[in-house]
Amino acid sequence: MNATALKKDMDMADFQNSTTFENHASENNTAWQKVCTKADLVEYSGVAAWLETTDGPVQVAIFYLPEGQQRQGDELYALDHFDPFSNANVIARGIIGDLKGSAVVASPIYKQYFRLEDGQCLEDENVKLRTWKIAFKGDAVWVEG
């Protein structure tokens, strides 16, 4: 089961004034954007969202691994939704797994594995997906563009 998060209006004042947000923001947190809510996420699966960057809008794949099974807290990952091997925006539809102790997503087209932590392709060391900082602020999911 997959869900797609729709592009949301940014609410930067809410983000910058939050005292409950864990210290994930960089010194210049104007690039942090609310992309979806926790309810939009699917455990052990991906969703796609729009992210505004200085280079223009991009699609990101967001993966949510809840606490448990060797994890001491919820884990969120944001990486390119674009698969460089198939030239399609499909990474959020990939299958989550664990290879050599690392959480990975398998591209649904040609099945290359990408580490969620850093986007590195395990089959080709020359290919790496972009990653973004991501965090919960309450039930909102924020990504730094």
N, C-alpha and C. Protein backbone atom coordinates (compact mmCIF):
# COMPACT_ATOMS: atom_id res chain seq x y z
N MET A 1 0.84 -1.18 0.00
CA MET A 1 0.00 0.00 0.00
C MET A 1 0.88 1.23 0.00
N ASN A 2 0.60 2.17 -0.88
CA ASN A 2 1.34 3.42 -0.96
C ASN A 2 0.39 4.58 -0.84
N ALA A 3 0.88 5.66 -0.35
CA ALA A 3 0.12 6.90 -0.28
C ALA A 3 0.97 7.99 -0.88
N THR A 4 0.34 9.02 -1.36
CA THR A 4 1.07 10.14 -1.91
C THR A 4 0.71 11.38 -1.13
N ALA A 5 1.71 12.06 -0.64
CA ALA A 5 1.49 13.29 0.10
C ALA A 5 1.40 14.44 -0.89
N LEU A 6 0.43 15.28 -0.73
CA LEU A 6 0.26 16.41 -1.62
C LEU A 6 1.11 17.58 -1.17
N LYS A 7 1.48 18.41 -2.13
CA LYS A 7 2.26 19.60 -1.83
C LYS A 7 1.46 20.50 -0.90
N LYS A 8 2.08 20.96 0.17
CA LYS A 8 1.43 21.80 1.17
C LYS A 8 2.06 23.18 1.17
N ASP A 9 1.29 24.16 1.62
CA ASP A 9 1.85 25.50 1.80
C ASP A 9 2.81 25.47 2.97
N MET A 10 3.90 26.19 2.84
CA MET A 10 4.88 26.24 3.92
C MET A 10 4.34 27.10 5.05
N ASP A 11 4.65 26.73 6.26
CA ASP A 11 4.27 27.49 7.43
C ASP A 11 5.53 27.69 8.26
N MET A 12 6.41 28.51 7.76
CA MET A 12 7.73 28.66 8.36
C MET A 12 7.67 29.27 9.76
N ALA A 13 6.76 30.21 9.99
CA ALA A 13 6.69 30.85 11.31
C ALA A 13 6.37 29.81 12.37
N ASP A 14 5.48 28.90 12.07
CA ASP A 14 5.12 27.84 13.00
C ASP A 14 6.33 26.97 13.31
N PHE A 15 7.11 26.66 12.28
CA PHE A 15 8.30 25.82 12.45
C PHE A 15 9.35 26.54 13.29
N GLN A 16 9.64 27.79 12.95
CA GLN A 16 10.71 28.51 13.61
C GLN A 16 10.39 28.83 15.06
N ASN A 17 9.12 28.99 15.39
CA ASN A 17 8.73 29.35 16.75
C ASN A 17 8.48 28.14 17.64
N SER A 18 8.61 26.94 17.11
CA SER A 18 8.31 25.74 17.88
C SER A 18 9.36 25.50 18.95
N THR A 19 8.89 25.21 20.15
CA THR A 19 9.82 24.86 21.23
C THR A 19 9.85 23.35 21.43
N THR A 20 8.90 22.63 20.81
CA THR A 20 8.87 21.18 20.99
C THR A 20 9.65 20.45 19.91
N PHE A 21 10.01 21.15 18.84
CA PHE A 21 10.74 20.51 17.75
C PHE A 21 12.14 20.15 18.21
N GLU A 22 12.53 18.90 18.00
CA GLU A 22 13.87 18.48 18.37
C GLU A 22 14.87 19.26 17.53
N ASN A 23 16.05 19.44 18.01
CA ASN A 23 17.02 20.32 17.38
C ASN A 23 17.59 19.70 16.11
N HIS A 24 16.75 19.60 15.07
CA HIS A 24 17.18 19.08 13.78
C HIS A 24 17.43 20.20 12.78
N ALA A 25 17.03 21.40 13.10
CA ALA A 25 17.13 22.50 12.16
C ALA A 25 18.57 23.01 12.07
N SER A 26 18.93 23.43 10.88
CA SER A 26 20.25 24.04 10.72
C SER A 26 20.16 25.49 11.16
N GLU A 27 21.31 26.21 11.13
CA GLU A 27 21.29 27.61 11.51
C GLU A 27 20.36 28.41 10.61
N ASN A 28 20.29 28.06 9.33
CA ASN A 28 19.40 28.74 8.39
C ASN A 28 18.20 27.84 8.14
N ASN A 29 17.22 27.88 9.04
CA ASN A 29 16.10 26.95 8.94
C ASN A 29 14.98 27.47 8.07
N THR A 30 15.23 28.51 7.28
CA THR A 30 14.19 28.99 6.38
C THR A 30 13.91 27.98 5.27
N ALA A 31 14.78 27.02 5.07
CA ALA A 31 14.58 26.02 4.03
C ALA A 31 13.73 24.84 4.51
N TRP A 32 13.41 24.76 5.79
CA TRP A 32 12.59 23.67 6.29
C TRP A 32 11.15 23.86 5.81
N GLN A 33 10.54 22.78 5.32
CA GLN A 33 9.19 22.84 4.77
C GLN A 33 8.33 21.70 5.31
N LYS A 34 7.10 22.02 5.64
CA LYS A 34 6.16 20.99 6.04
C LYS A 34 5.66 20.31 4.76
N VAL A 35 5.87 18.99 4.66
CA VAL A 35 5.50 18.28 3.44
C VAL A 35 4.29 17.37 3.60
N CYS A 36 4.03 16.91 4.83
CA CYS A 36 2.89 16.04 5.08
C CYS A 36 2.72 15.87 6.59
N THR A 37 1.83 14.99 6.98
CA THR A 37 1.65 14.68 8.40
C THR A 37 1.97 13.21 8.63
N LYS A 38 2.09 12.85 9.89
CA LYS A 38 2.37 11.46 10.24
C LYS A 38 1.27 10.53 9.71
N ALA A 39 0.03 11.02 9.68
CA ALA A 39 -1.09 10.22 9.18
C ALA A 39 -0.94 9.90 7.69
N ASP A 40 -0.18 10.71 6.94
CA ASP A 40 0.05 10.46 5.52
C ASP A 40 1.08 9.36 5.28
N LEU A 41 1.86 9.03 6.30
CA LEU A 41 2.93 8.04 6.16
C LEU A 41 2.39 6.63 6.32
N VAL A 42 3.08 5.69 5.67
CA VAL A 42 2.73 4.28 5.77
C VAL A 42 3.95 3.58 6.37
N GLU A 43 3.74 2.89 7.50
CA GLU A 43 4.86 2.21 8.15
C GLU A 43 5.54 1.24 7.20
N TYR A 44 6.87 1.25 7.22
CA TYR A 44 7.70 0.35 6.41
C TYR A 44 7.40 0.49 4.92
N SER A 45 7.07 1.69 4.52
CA SER A 45 6.76 1.95 3.12
C SER A 45 7.12 3.39 2.80
N GLY A 46 6.93 3.79 1.55
CA GLY A 46 7.27 5.14 1.14
C GLY A 46 6.08 5.93 0.66
N VAL A 47 6.21 7.23 0.73
CA VAL A 47 5.26 8.17 0.14
C VAL A 47 6.07 9.21 -0.63
N ALA A 48 5.45 9.80 -1.63
CA ALA A 48 6.11 10.83 -2.41
C ALA A 48 5.58 12.19 -2.01
N ALA A 49 6.45 13.20 -2.02
CA ALA A 49 6.05 14.56 -1.68
C ALA A 49 6.85 15.54 -2.53
N TRP A 50 6.29 16.74 -2.72
CA TRP A 50 7.00 17.82 -3.39
C TRP A 50 7.86 18.55 -2.39
N LEU A 51 9.03 18.97 -2.83
CA LEU A 51 9.92 19.76 -2.00
C LEU A 51 10.45 20.91 -2.85
N GLU A 52 10.31 22.12 -2.34
CA GLU A 52 10.88 23.29 -3.03
C GLU A 52 12.35 23.40 -2.66
N THR A 53 13.21 23.49 -3.66
CA THR A 53 14.64 23.65 -3.43
C THR A 53 15.11 24.89 -4.18
N THR A 54 16.34 25.29 -3.96
CA THR A 54 16.89 26.44 -4.68
C THR A 54 17.01 26.15 -6.17
N ASP A 55 17.05 24.86 -6.55
CA ASP A 55 17.11 24.47 -7.96
C ASP A 55 15.72 24.24 -8.55
N GLY A 56 14.67 24.49 -7.78
CA GLY A 56 13.31 24.26 -8.24
C GLY A 56 12.68 23.10 -7.51
N PRO A 57 11.41 22.80 -7.80
CA PRO A 57 10.72 21.73 -7.09
C PRO A 57 11.26 20.35 -7.48
N VAL A 58 11.31 19.46 -6.50
CA VAL A 58 11.71 18.07 -6.74
C VAL A 58 10.74 17.16 -6.02
N GLN A 59 10.70 15.91 -6.46
CA GLN A 59 9.92 14.91 -5.77
C GLN A 59 10.85 14.14 -4.84
N VAL A 60 10.42 13.96 -3.59
CA VAL A 60 11.19 13.20 -2.63
C VAL A 60 10.40 11.97 -2.20
N ALA A 61 11.11 10.93 -1.89
CA ALA A 61 10.52 9.71 -1.34
C ALA A 61 10.78 9.74 0.16
N ILE A 62 9.71 9.61 0.93
CA ILE A 62 9.82 9.64 2.39
C ILE A 62 9.49 8.26 2.92
N PHE A 63 10.38 7.75 3.77
CA PHE A 63 10.20 6.42 4.35
C PHE A 63 10.11 6.53 5.85
N TYR A 64 9.16 5.79 6.41
CA TYR A 64 8.90 5.82 7.85
C TYR A 64 9.08 4.42 8.43
N LEU A 65 10.06 4.30 9.32
CA LEU A 65 10.31 3.04 10.03
C LEU A 65 10.02 3.31 11.50
N PRO A 66 8.90 2.80 12.01
CA PRO A 66 8.53 3.09 13.40
C PRO A 66 9.44 2.37 14.39
N GLU A 67 9.39 2.84 15.63
CA GLU A 67 10.19 2.24 16.71
C GLU A 67 9.90 0.75 16.80
N GLY A 68 10.94 -0.02 17.11
CA GLY A 68 10.82 -1.47 17.24
C GLY A 68 11.79 -2.16 16.31
N GLN A 69 11.85 -3.46 16.37
CA GLN A 69 12.73 -4.27 15.53
C GLN A 69 14.12 -3.65 15.41
N GLN A 70 14.83 -3.55 16.52
CA GLN A 70 16.20 -3.06 16.61
C GLN A 70 16.32 -1.55 16.45
N ARG A 71 15.20 -0.82 16.43
CA ARG A 71 15.23 0.64 16.39
C ARG A 71 14.73 1.17 17.72
N GLN A 72 15.41 2.17 18.25
CA GLN A 72 15.03 2.71 19.54
C GLN A 72 14.12 3.91 19.40
N GLY A 73 13.82 4.33 18.22
CA GLY A 73 12.92 5.45 17.98
C GLY A 73 12.44 5.41 16.55
N ASP A 74 11.44 6.23 16.25
CA ASP A 74 10.98 6.33 14.88
C ASP A 74 12.10 6.83 13.99
N GLU A 75 12.17 6.30 12.78
CA GLU A 75 13.18 6.75 11.83
C GLU A 75 12.48 7.25 10.58
N LEU A 76 12.90 8.42 10.12
CA LEU A 76 12.40 9.01 8.89
C LEU A 76 13.57 9.21 7.94
N TYR A 77 13.32 8.97 6.67
CA TYR A 77 14.33 9.18 5.65
C TYR A 77 13.70 9.90 4.47
N ALA A 78 14.43 10.81 3.85
CA ALA A 78 13.97 11.49 2.65
C ALA A 78 15.08 11.41 1.60
N LEU A 79 14.76 10.86 0.45
CA LEU A 79 15.71 10.78 -0.64
C LEU A 79 15.01 10.98 -1.97
N ASP A 80 15.79 11.09 -3.03
CA ASP A 80 15.21 11.29 -4.36
C ASP A 80 14.14 10.25 -4.65
N HIS A 81 13.06 10.70 -5.25
CA HIS A 81 12.01 9.80 -5.73
C HIS A 81 12.39 9.31 -7.13
N PHE A 82 13.33 10.00 -7.77
CA PHE A 82 13.75 9.69 -9.14
C PHE A 82 14.77 8.55 -9.16
N ASP A 83 14.45 7.49 -9.89
CA ASP A 83 15.34 6.34 -10.05
C ASP A 83 16.23 6.57 -11.27
N PRO A 84 17.54 6.74 -11.09
CA PRO A 84 18.41 7.02 -12.22
C PRO A 84 18.57 5.85 -13.19
N PHE A 85 18.22 4.65 -12.80
CA PHE A 85 18.36 3.50 -13.68
C PHE A 85 17.16 3.37 -14.63
N SER A 86 15.97 3.68 -14.17
CA SER A 86 14.78 3.58 -15.02
C SER A 86 14.31 4.95 -15.52
N ASN A 87 14.93 6.02 -15.03
CA ASN A 87 14.54 7.39 -15.38
C ASN A 87 13.07 7.66 -15.10
N ALA A 88 12.61 7.18 -13.94
CA ALA A 88 11.21 7.36 -13.53
C ALA A 88 11.15 7.71 -12.05
N ASN A 89 10.12 8.44 -11.67
CA ASN A 89 9.89 8.78 -10.26
C ASN A 89 9.14 7.63 -9.60
N VAL A 90 9.90 6.67 -9.05
CA VAL A 90 9.28 5.45 -8.52
C VAL A 90 9.85 4.98 -7.18
N ILE A 91 10.87 5.63 -6.65
CA ILE A 91 11.57 5.12 -5.46
C ILE A 91 10.62 4.94 -4.27
N ALA A 92 9.66 5.84 -4.08
CA ALA A 92 8.73 5.72 -2.96
C ALA A 92 7.90 4.44 -3.03
N ARG A 93 7.81 3.84 -4.20
CA ARG A 93 7.05 2.60 -4.38
C ARG A 93 7.89 1.35 -4.17
N GLY A 94 9.15 1.55 -3.81
CA GLY A 94 10.06 0.42 -3.62
C GLY A 94 9.77 -0.35 -2.34
N ILE A 95 10.40 -1.49 -2.24
CA ILE A 95 10.23 -2.37 -1.08
C ILE A 95 11.35 -2.10 -0.09
N ILE A 96 10.97 -1.91 1.19
CA ILE A 96 11.92 -1.66 2.26
C ILE A 96 12.49 -2.99 2.75
N GLY A 97 13.78 -2.99 3.06
CA GLY A 97 14.42 -4.18 3.58
C GLY A 97 15.65 -3.83 4.38
N ASP A 98 16.43 -4.85 4.70
CA ASP A 98 17.66 -4.69 5.46
C ASP A 98 18.73 -5.52 4.77
N LEU A 99 19.82 -4.88 4.37
CA LEU A 99 20.95 -5.58 3.77
C LEU A 99 22.21 -5.17 4.50
N LYS A 100 22.94 -6.15 4.99
CA LYS A 100 24.20 -5.91 5.68
C LYS A 100 24.03 -4.93 6.84
N GLY A 101 22.89 -5.01 7.53
CA GLY A 101 22.64 -4.16 8.68
C GLY A 101 22.16 -2.76 8.37
N SER A 102 21.92 -2.46 7.10
CA SER A 102 21.45 -1.13 6.70
C SER A 102 20.04 -1.21 6.15
N ALA A 103 19.21 -0.22 6.52
CA ALA A 103 17.87 -0.13 5.93
C ALA A 103 18.02 0.32 4.48
N VAL A 104 17.33 -0.38 3.58
CA VAL A 104 17.43 -0.09 2.15
C VAL A 104 16.04 -0.07 1.53
N VAL A 105 15.98 0.52 0.34
CA VAL A 105 14.79 0.43 -0.50
C VAL A 105 15.23 -0.16 -1.83
N ALA A 106 14.46 -1.10 -2.33
CA ALA A 106 14.72 -1.70 -3.63
C ALA A 106 13.87 -0.98 -4.66
N SER A 107 14.50 -0.45 -5.69
CA SER A 107 13.76 0.22 -6.75
C SER A 107 12.77 -0.78 -7.36
N PRO A 108 11.52 -0.36 -7.58
CA PRO A 108 10.52 -1.31 -8.09
C PRO A 108 10.71 -1.69 -9.56
N ILE A 109 11.56 -1.00 -10.29
CA ILE A 109 11.73 -1.31 -11.71
C ILE A 109 12.83 -2.34 -11.92
N TYR A 110 14.08 -1.97 -11.67
CA TYR A 110 15.20 -2.88 -11.92
C TYR A 110 15.82 -3.45 -10.65
N LYS A 111 15.25 -3.13 -9.50
CA LYS A 111 15.59 -3.73 -8.20
C LYS A 111 16.95 -3.37 -7.63
N GLN A 112 17.53 -2.23 -8.01
CA GLN A 112 18.75 -1.79 -7.34
C GLN A 112 18.39 -1.40 -5.91
N TYR A 113 19.33 -1.64 -4.99
CA TYR A 113 19.12 -1.29 -3.58
C TYR A 113 19.81 0.04 -3.28
N PHE A 114 19.10 0.90 -2.56
CA PHE A 114 19.64 2.18 -2.12
C PHE A 114 19.52 2.25 -0.61
N ARG A 115 20.65 2.60 0.06
CA ARG A 115 20.60 2.78 1.52
C ARG A 115 19.75 4.00 1.84
N LEU A 116 18.86 3.84 2.80
CA LEU A 116 18.00 4.96 3.19
C LEU A 116 18.80 6.06 3.87
N GLU A 117 19.82 5.70 4.60
CA GLU A 117 20.60 6.67 5.37
C GLU A 117 21.33 7.68 4.49
N ASP A 118 21.92 7.22 3.39
CA ASP A 118 22.74 8.12 2.58
C ASP A 118 22.46 8.05 1.08
N GLY A 119 21.50 7.23 0.64
CA GLY A 119 21.13 7.14 -0.76
C GLY A 119 22.07 6.35 -1.64
N GLN A 120 23.11 5.76 -1.08
CA GLN A 120 24.10 5.03 -1.86
C GLN A 120 23.50 3.77 -2.49
N CYS A 121 23.73 3.60 -3.79
CA CYS A 121 23.32 2.37 -4.48
C CYS A 121 24.30 1.27 -4.11
N LEU A 122 23.79 0.12 -3.70
CA LEU A 122 24.67 -0.98 -3.28
C LEU A 122 25.25 -1.75 -4.46
N GLU A 123 24.61 -1.67 -5.62
CA GLU A 123 25.12 -2.40 -6.79
C GLU A 123 26.10 -1.57 -7.62
N ASP A 124 26.06 -0.26 -7.49
CA ASP A 124 26.92 0.62 -8.29
C ASP A 124 27.41 1.76 -7.40
N GLU A 125 28.67 1.71 -7.01
CA GLU A 125 29.21 2.71 -6.08
C GLU A 125 29.26 4.12 -6.67
N ASN A 126 29.06 4.24 -7.99
CA ASN A 126 29.07 5.55 -8.63
C ASN A 126 27.70 6.23 -8.64
N VAL A 127 26.68 5.53 -8.14
CA VAL A 127 25.33 6.09 -8.15
C VAL A 127 24.86 6.31 -6.71
N LYS A 128 24.36 7.51 -6.47
CA LYS A 128 23.88 7.85 -5.14
C LYS A 128 22.70 8.81 -5.28
N LEU A 129 21.60 8.51 -4.58
CA LEU A 129 20.44 9.40 -4.58
C LEU A 129 20.68 10.53 -3.60
N ARG A 130 20.15 11.72 -3.91
CA ARG A 130 20.23 12.83 -2.96
C ARG A 130 19.40 12.50 -1.73
N THR A 131 19.83 13.01 -0.60
CA THR A 131 19.08 12.85 0.65
C THR A 131 18.84 14.22 1.25
N TRP A 132 17.83 14.30 2.12
CA TRP A 132 17.50 15.55 2.80
C TRP A 132 17.32 15.27 4.28
N LYS A 133 17.57 16.28 5.10
CA LYS A 133 17.27 16.19 6.53
C LYS A 133 15.76 16.18 6.67
N ILE A 134 15.26 15.34 7.57
CA ILE A 134 13.82 15.18 7.77
C ILE A 134 13.56 14.96 9.25
N ALA A 135 12.43 15.44 9.73
CA ALA A 135 12.12 15.28 11.15
C ALA A 135 10.62 15.49 11.38
N PHE A 136 10.16 14.91 12.49
CA PHE A 136 8.81 15.18 12.97
C PHE A 136 8.82 16.46 13.79
N LYS A 137 7.79 17.26 13.66
CA LYS A 137 7.50 18.35 14.58
C LYS A 137 6.05 18.12 14.97
N GLY A 138 5.86 17.50 16.14
CA GLY A 138 4.52 17.04 16.49
C GLY A 138 4.12 15.94 15.52
N ASP A 139 2.98 16.10 14.87
CA ASP A 139 2.54 15.13 13.88
C ASP A 139 2.90 15.56 12.44
N ALA A 140 3.54 16.70 12.31
CA ALA A 140 3.93 17.19 10.98
C ALA A 140 5.30 16.64 10.60
N VAL A 141 5.49 16.42 9.31
CA VAL A 141 6.77 15.96 8.77
C VAL A 141 7.39 17.14 8.04
N TRP A 142 8.61 17.49 8.45
CA TRP A 142 9.33 18.62 7.89
C TRP A 142 10.60 18.13 7.22
N VAL A 143 10.90 18.70 6.04
CA VAL A 143 12.10 18.35 5.29
C VAL A 143 12.85 19.65 4.99
N GLU A 144 14.17 19.59 5.11
CA GLU A 144 14.99 20.75 4.79
C GLU A 144 15.36 20.71 3.32
N GLY A 145 14.87 21.71 2.57
CA GLY A 145 15.13 21.79 1.13
C GLY A 145 16.40 22.51 0.86
